[in-house]
Amino acid sequence: MPDFSFEEKLLLIQHCIYKYDSEEMLKTKLKQYFSPKEIESMIDTLIATQKIRRIGQDKLQNNESHTGMVPEIPENLQSIINNL
């Protein structure tokens, strides 16, 4: 399991939301990289900082209207997103 900084983890979640807006699908896809508790914590942090929002029971969405564009993803994280 790669060792990511906290900021890299949050950025990875944000970019994964573009690919999978279902919270359950996101958790399933990321479980090989993070524990379920870590994923929940990162989602809660992103919601609290208004970088993402819940729309419906199981849907997540980047909150670009509030925070602007999601930052570019570093190369080391791009391969993870491509492989999900």
C-alpha atoms as a PDB file:
ATOM      1  CA  MET A   1       0.000   0.000   0.000  1.00  0.00           C
ATOM      2  CA  PRO A   2       1.576   3.331  -1.035  1.00  0.00           C
ATOM      3  CA  ASP A   3       2.228   5.970   1.586  1.00  0.00           C
ATOM      4  CA  PHE A   4       0.340   9.181   0.744  1.00  0.00           C
ATOM      5  CA  SER A   5       0.340  12.553   2.442  1.00  0.00           C
ATOM      6  CA  PHE A   6      -2.973  13.773   3.834  1.00  0.00           C
ATOM      7  CA  GLU A   7      -3.298  16.315   0.993  1.00  0.00           C
ATOM      8  CA  GLU A   8      -2.622  13.612  -1.611  1.00  0.00           C
ATOM      9  CA  LYS A   9      -5.334  11.444  -0.087  1.00  0.00           C
ATOM     10  CA  LEU A  10      -7.874  14.265  -0.261  1.00  0.00           C
ATOM     11  CA  LEU A  11      -6.903  15.109  -3.827  1.00  0.00           C
ATOM     12  CA  LEU A  12      -7.166  11.462  -4.838  1.00  0.00           C
ATOM     13  CA  ILE A  13     -10.690  11.261  -3.415  1.00  0.00           C
ATOM     14  CA  GLN A  14     -11.727  14.424  -5.249  1.00  0.00           C
ATOM     15  CA  HIS A  15     -10.481  13.119  -8.588  1.00  0.00           C
ATOM     16  CA  CYS A  16     -12.030   9.700  -8.006  1.00  0.00           C
ATOM     17  CA  ILE A  17     -15.409  11.394  -7.533  1.00  0.00           C
ATOM     18  CA  TYR A  18     -15.237  12.470 -11.189  1.00  0.00           C
ATOM     19  CA  LYS A  19     -15.026   8.792 -12.107  1.00  0.00           C
ATOM     20  CA  TYR A  20     -17.360   7.310  -9.466  1.00  0.00           C
ATOM     21  CA  ASP A  21     -19.961   9.584  -7.900  1.00  0.00           C
ATOM     22  CA  SER A  22     -21.458   6.754  -5.844  1.00  0.00           C
ATOM     23  CA  GLU A  23     -20.035   6.778  -2.320  1.00  0.00           C
ATOM     24  CA  GLU A  24     -20.266   2.991  -2.016  1.00  0.00           C
ATOM     25  CA  MET A  25     -18.530   2.454  -5.363  1.00  0.00           C
ATOM     26  CA  LEU A  26     -15.820   4.905  -4.338  1.00  0.00           C
ATOM     27  CA  LYS A  27     -15.238   3.010  -1.098  1.00  0.00           C
ATOM     28  CA  THR A  28     -15.106  -0.300  -2.956  1.00  0.00           C
ATOM     29  CA  LYS A  29     -12.590   0.961  -5.497  1.00  0.00           C
ATOM     30  CA  LEU A  30     -10.332   2.629  -2.919  1.00  0.00           C
ATOM     31  CA  LYS A  31     -10.306  -0.161  -0.333  1.00  0.00           C
ATOM     32  CA  GLN A  32      -7.066  -1.558  -1.753  1.00  0.00           C
ATOM     33  CA  TYR A  33      -5.343   1.742  -0.912  1.00  0.00           C
ATOM     34  CA  PHE A  34      -7.086   2.924   2.272  1.00  0.00           C
ATOM     35  CA  SER A  35      -9.013   1.478   5.190  1.00  0.00           C
ATOM     36  CA  PRO A  36     -12.787   2.104   5.277  1.00  0.00           C
ATOM     37  CA  LYS A  37     -12.259   4.403   8.265  1.00  0.00           C
ATOM     38  CA  GLU A  38      -9.683   6.476   6.344  1.00  0.00           C
ATOM     39  CA  ILE A  39     -12.025   6.812   3.369  1.00  0.00           C
ATOM     40  CA  GLU A  40     -14.897   7.936   5.613  1.00  0.00           C
ATOM     41  CA  SER A  41     -12.641  10.431   7.363  1.00  0.00           C
ATOM     42  CA  MET A  42     -11.402  11.894   4.070  1.00  0.00           C
ATOM     43  CA  ILE A  43     -14.944  12.196   2.689  1.00  0.00           C
ATOM     44  CA  ASP A  44     -16.096  13.865   5.926  1.00  0.00           C
ATOM     45  CA  THR A  45     -13.147  16.286   5.786  1.00  0.00           C
ATOM     46  CA  LEU A  46     -13.869  17.204   2.164  1.00  0.00           C
ATOM     47  CA  ILE A  47     -17.544  17.775   2.966  1.00  0.00           C
ATOM     48  CA  ALA A  48     -16.690  19.880   6.044  1.00  0.00           C
ATOM     49  CA  THR A  49     -14.343  22.067   3.987  1.00  0.00           C
ATOM     50  CA  GLN A  50     -17.027  22.284   1.270  1.00  0.00           C
ATOM     51  CA  LYS A  51     -14.747  20.817  -1.402  1.00  0.00           C
ATOM     52  CA  ILE A  52     -17.303  18.086  -2.103  1.00  0.00           C
ATOM     53  CA  ARG A  53     -20.990  17.733  -1.309  1.00  0.00           C
ATOM     54  CA  ARG A  54     -23.543  14.980  -0.968  1.00  0.00           C
ATOM     55  CA  ILE A  55     -26.374  15.099  -3.468  1.00  0.00           C
ATOM     56  CA  GLY A  56     -28.813  12.420  -2.502  1.00  0.00           C
ATOM     57  CA  GLN A  57     -28.349   9.368  -0.380  1.00  0.00           C
ATOM     58  CA  ASP A  58     -25.264   7.845  -2.033  1.00  0.00           C
ATOM     59  CA  LYS A  59     -24.019  10.482  -4.495  1.00  0.00           C
ATOM     60  CA  LEU A  60     -20.991  12.726  -4.074  1.00  0.00           C
ATOM     61  CA  GLN A  61     -20.057  15.708  -6.213  1.00  0.00           C
ATOM     62  CA  ASN A  62     -17.086  18.074  -6.344  1.00  0.00           C
ATOM     63  CA  ASN A  63     -18.223  21.495  -5.195  1.00  0.00           C
ATOM     64  CA  GLU A  64     -16.492  23.492  -7.939  1.00  0.00           C
ATOM     65  CA  SER A  65     -19.015  26.314  -7.770  1.00  0.00           C
ATOM     66  CA  HIS A  66     -17.831  27.008  -4.216  1.00  0.00           C
ATOM     67  CA  THR A  67     -14.113  26.175  -4.311  1.00  0.00           C
ATOM     68  CA  GLY A  68     -13.176  26.539  -7.975  1.00  0.00           C
ATOM     69  CA  MET A  69     -11.525  23.870 -10.067  1.00  0.00           C
ATOM     70  CA  VAL A  70     -10.037  20.790  -8.441  1.00  0.00           C
ATOM     71  CA  PRO A  71      -6.212  21.066  -8.485  1.00  0.00           C
ATOM     72  CA  GLU A  72      -4.270  19.061 -11.062  1.00  0.00           C
ATOM     73  CA  ILE A  73      -3.386  15.579  -9.972  1.00  0.00           C
ATOM     74  CA  PRO A  74       0.300  14.634  -9.602  1.00  0.00           C
ATOM     75  CA  GLU A  75       1.700  11.889 -11.846  1.00  0.00           C
ATOM     76  CA  ASN A  76       2.107   9.439  -8.952  1.00  0.00           C
ATOM     77  CA  LEU A  77      -1.650   9.599  -8.285  1.00  0.00           C
ATOM     78  CA  GLN A  78      -2.764   9.658 -11.928  1.00  0.00           C
ATOM     79  CA  SER A  79      -1.866   5.999 -12.445  1.00  0.00           C
ATOM     80  CA  ILE A  80      -4.024   5.020  -9.461  1.00  0.00           C
ATOM     81  CA  ILE A  81      -7.048   6.839 -10.860  1.00  0.00           C
ATOM     82  CA  ASN A  82      -6.492   5.315 -14.290  1.00  0.00           C
ATOM     83  CA  ASN A  83      -6.367   1.814 -12.768  1.00  0.00           C
ATOM     84  CA  LEU A  84      -9.555   2.113 -10.699  1.00  0.00           C
END
